[in-house]
Amino acid sequence: MYQQSSRLPCKIFIIDDDPDDVLVMRRALAKAARVTASEANISVASDGESALVSLREKVSAGDWPDLVLVDLNMPGLTGFDLLQICREDAVLKQLRLIVVTTASDEDSFAKARRYGADDVFSKPETLKDMTRLLETLL
């Protein structure tokens, strides 16, 4: 059962090709949600193509993620491409898509918003700062 002191149950989907960044986000999400890493309900995709397949499967099964964290710079289907595809899809356009990227220039931020990001953040450099960011998003 959902408790006031916890931010879970919350389903998070991370789309990022950098395993180190994924590890930091997993740890930060667990801290932000005040649960152990094994209790956190986190799914991961390392590229845009597999992310789309997984998101479509989850949504069709009624297993909607509450929050999708998207990296912009991925090989193949980029984060920009993924945003655009999701926003043009009748069902996936309802997802909460938050960009967390190493890009820090306003052009990338503006482009991500034009492509449908609900919000855009530069990846924090420390676990503590990532945890703070994710606490605001949960």
Protein backbone atom coordinates (compact mmCIF):
# COMPACT_ATOMS: atom_id res chain seq x y z
CA MET A 1 0.00 0.00 0.00
CA TYR A 2 1.18 3.54 -0.73
CA GLN A 3 2.58 5.34 2.27
CA GLN A 4 2.81 9.10 2.75
CA SER A 5 6.51 8.95 3.70
CA SER A 6 7.48 7.10 0.54
CA ARG A 7 7.31 8.31 -3.02
CA LEU A 8 6.69 4.79 -4.34
CA PRO A 9 4.98 2.91 -5.83
CA CYS A 10 6.28 4.76 -8.84
CA LYS A 11 7.32 3.20 -12.13
CA ILE A 12 10.37 4.80 -13.71
CA PHE A 13 11.74 4.09 -17.17
CA ILE A 14 15.32 5.19 -17.90
CA ILE A 15 16.50 5.49 -21.50
CA ASP A 16 20.26 6.03 -21.56
CA ASP A 17 23.15 4.33 -23.33
CA ASP A 18 25.74 5.11 -20.64
CA PRO A 19 25.80 2.33 -17.99
CA ASP A 20 27.51 4.61 -15.45
CA ASP A 21 24.79 7.24 -15.81
CA VAL A 22 22.11 4.55 -15.48
CA LEU A 23 23.74 3.27 -12.28
CA VAL A 24 23.82 6.78 -10.80
CA MET A 25 20.19 7.39 -11.76
CA ARG A 26 19.12 4.04 -10.25
CA ARG A 27 20.84 4.85 -6.97
CA ALA A 28 19.52 8.40 -6.94
CA LEU A 29 15.96 7.24 -7.68
CA ALA A 30 16.08 4.76 -4.81
CA LYS A 31 17.35 7.49 -2.45
CA ALA A 32 14.81 10.02 -3.75
CA ALA A 33 11.99 7.50 -3.29
CA ARG A 34 13.34 6.45 0.12
CA VAL A 35 13.51 2.77 -0.77
CA THR A 36 16.26 0.24 -1.39
CA ALA A 37 17.50 -0.14 -4.93
CA SER A 38 15.84 -3.58 -5.15
CA GLU A 39 12.47 -2.09 -4.14
CA ALA A 40 12.55 0.62 -6.77
CA ASN A 41 10.43 -0.14 -9.82
CA ILE A 42 12.90 0.90 -12.54
CA SER A 43 13.10 -0.30 -16.14
CA VAL A 44 16.01 0.54 -18.42
CA ALA A 45 16.61 0.68 -22.15
CA SER A 46 20.03 1.48 -23.59
CA ASP A 47 18.82 2.79 -26.93
CA GLY A 48 15.83 4.49 -28.50
CA GLU A 49 14.69 1.54 -30.61
CA SER A 50 14.46 -0.93 -27.73
CA ALA A 51 12.92 1.80 -25.55
CA LEU A 52 10.06 2.28 -28.01
CA VAL A 53 9.40 -1.45 -28.20
CA SER A 54 9.42 -1.75 -24.42
CA LEU A 55 7.27 1.35 -23.87
CA ARG A 56 4.67 0.08 -26.35
CA GLU A 57 4.62 -3.34 -24.66
CA LYS A 58 4.27 -1.80 -21.20
CA VAL A 59 1.53 0.58 -22.22
CA SER A 60 -0.46 -2.08 -24.08
CA ALA A 61 -0.26 -4.26 -20.94
CA GLY A 62 -1.51 -1.36 -18.80
CA ASP A 63 1.89 -1.02 -17.11
CA TRP A 64 2.34 2.73 -17.64
CA PRO A 65 5.56 4.29 -16.39
CA ASP A 66 4.94 7.32 -14.19
CA LEU A 67 8.12 8.97 -15.40
CA VAL A 68 10.37 8.41 -18.42
CA LEU A 69 13.91 9.80 -18.20
CA VAL A 70 15.39 10.31 -21.66
CA ASP A 71 18.99 10.93 -22.69
CA LEU A 72 19.37 12.92 -25.91
CA ASN A 73 22.68 11.62 -27.21
CA MET A 74 22.23 7.97 -28.12
CA PRO A 75 23.32 6.04 -31.21
CA GLY A 76 20.65 5.19 -33.74
CA LEU A 77 17.31 6.55 -32.61
CA THR A 78 18.31 9.62 -30.59
CA GLY A 79 16.45 11.12 -27.66
CA PHE A 80 15.13 13.82 -29.99
CA ASP A 81 13.77 11.13 -32.35
CA LEU A 82 12.22 9.25 -29.44
CA LEU A 83 10.51 12.38 -28.14
CA GLN A 84 9.08 13.17 -31.55
CA ILE A 85 7.82 9.63 -32.14
CA CYS A 86 6.19 9.46 -28.70
CA ARG A 87 4.46 12.83 -29.13
CA GLU A 88 3.10 11.82 -32.53
CA ASP A 89 1.75 8.51 -31.21
CA ALA A 90 -1.88 8.60 -30.04
CA VAL A 91 -1.12 6.55 -26.92
CA LEU A 92 2.54 7.28 -26.10
CA LYS A 93 1.97 11.02 -26.23
CA GLN A 94 0.46 10.72 -22.74
CA LEU A 95 3.81 9.70 -21.20
CA ARG A 96 5.67 12.09 -18.91
CA LEU A 97 8.97 12.53 -20.77
CA ILE A 98 11.80 14.26 -18.92
CA VAL A 99 15.14 14.81 -20.63
CA VAL A 100 18.23 14.39 -18.45
CA THR A 101 21.24 14.98 -20.66
CA THR A 102 24.92 15.83 -20.70
CA ALA A 103 24.09 18.60 -23.16
CA SER A 104 24.02 21.97 -21.46
CA ASP A 105 23.40 24.37 -24.31
CA GLU A 106 20.11 26.24 -24.65
CA ASP A 107 19.73 25.14 -28.29
CA SER A 108 19.54 21.46 -27.23
CA PHE A 109 17.16 22.33 -24.40
CA ALA A 110 14.89 24.34 -26.73
CA LYS A 111 14.96 21.61 -29.39
CA ALA A 112 14.07 18.94 -26.79
CA ARG A 113 11.09 21.03 -25.69
CA ARG A 114 10.00 21.54 -29.31
CA TYR A 115 10.18 17.78 -29.81
CA GLY A 116 7.91 17.21 -26.82
CA ALA A 117 9.96 16.98 -23.62
CA ASP A 118 7.92 17.91 -20.55
CA ASP A 119 11.10 19.32 -19.06
CA VAL A 120 14.86 19.29 -19.68
CA PHE A 121 17.75 19.10 -17.22
CA SER A 122 21.52 18.80 -17.48
CA LYS A 123 22.77 15.64 -15.80
CA PRO A 124 24.04 16.53 -12.36
CA GLU A 125 27.64 15.55 -11.72
CA THR A 126 27.16 14.00 -8.27
CA LEU A 127 24.84 11.38 -6.79
CA LYS A 128 23.66 13.93 -4.24
CA ASP A 129 22.69 16.45 -6.93
CA MET A 130 21.04 13.74 -9.06
CA THR A 131 19.04 12.66 -6.00
CA ARG A 132 17.88 16.24 -5.42
CA LEU A 133 16.79 16.57 -9.03
CA LEU A 134 14.87 13.30 -8.98
CA GLU A 135 13.19 14.18 -5.67
CA THR A 136 11.66 17.16 -7.44
CA LEU A 137 10.41 14.96 -10.27
CA LEU A 138 8.82 12.17 -8.20
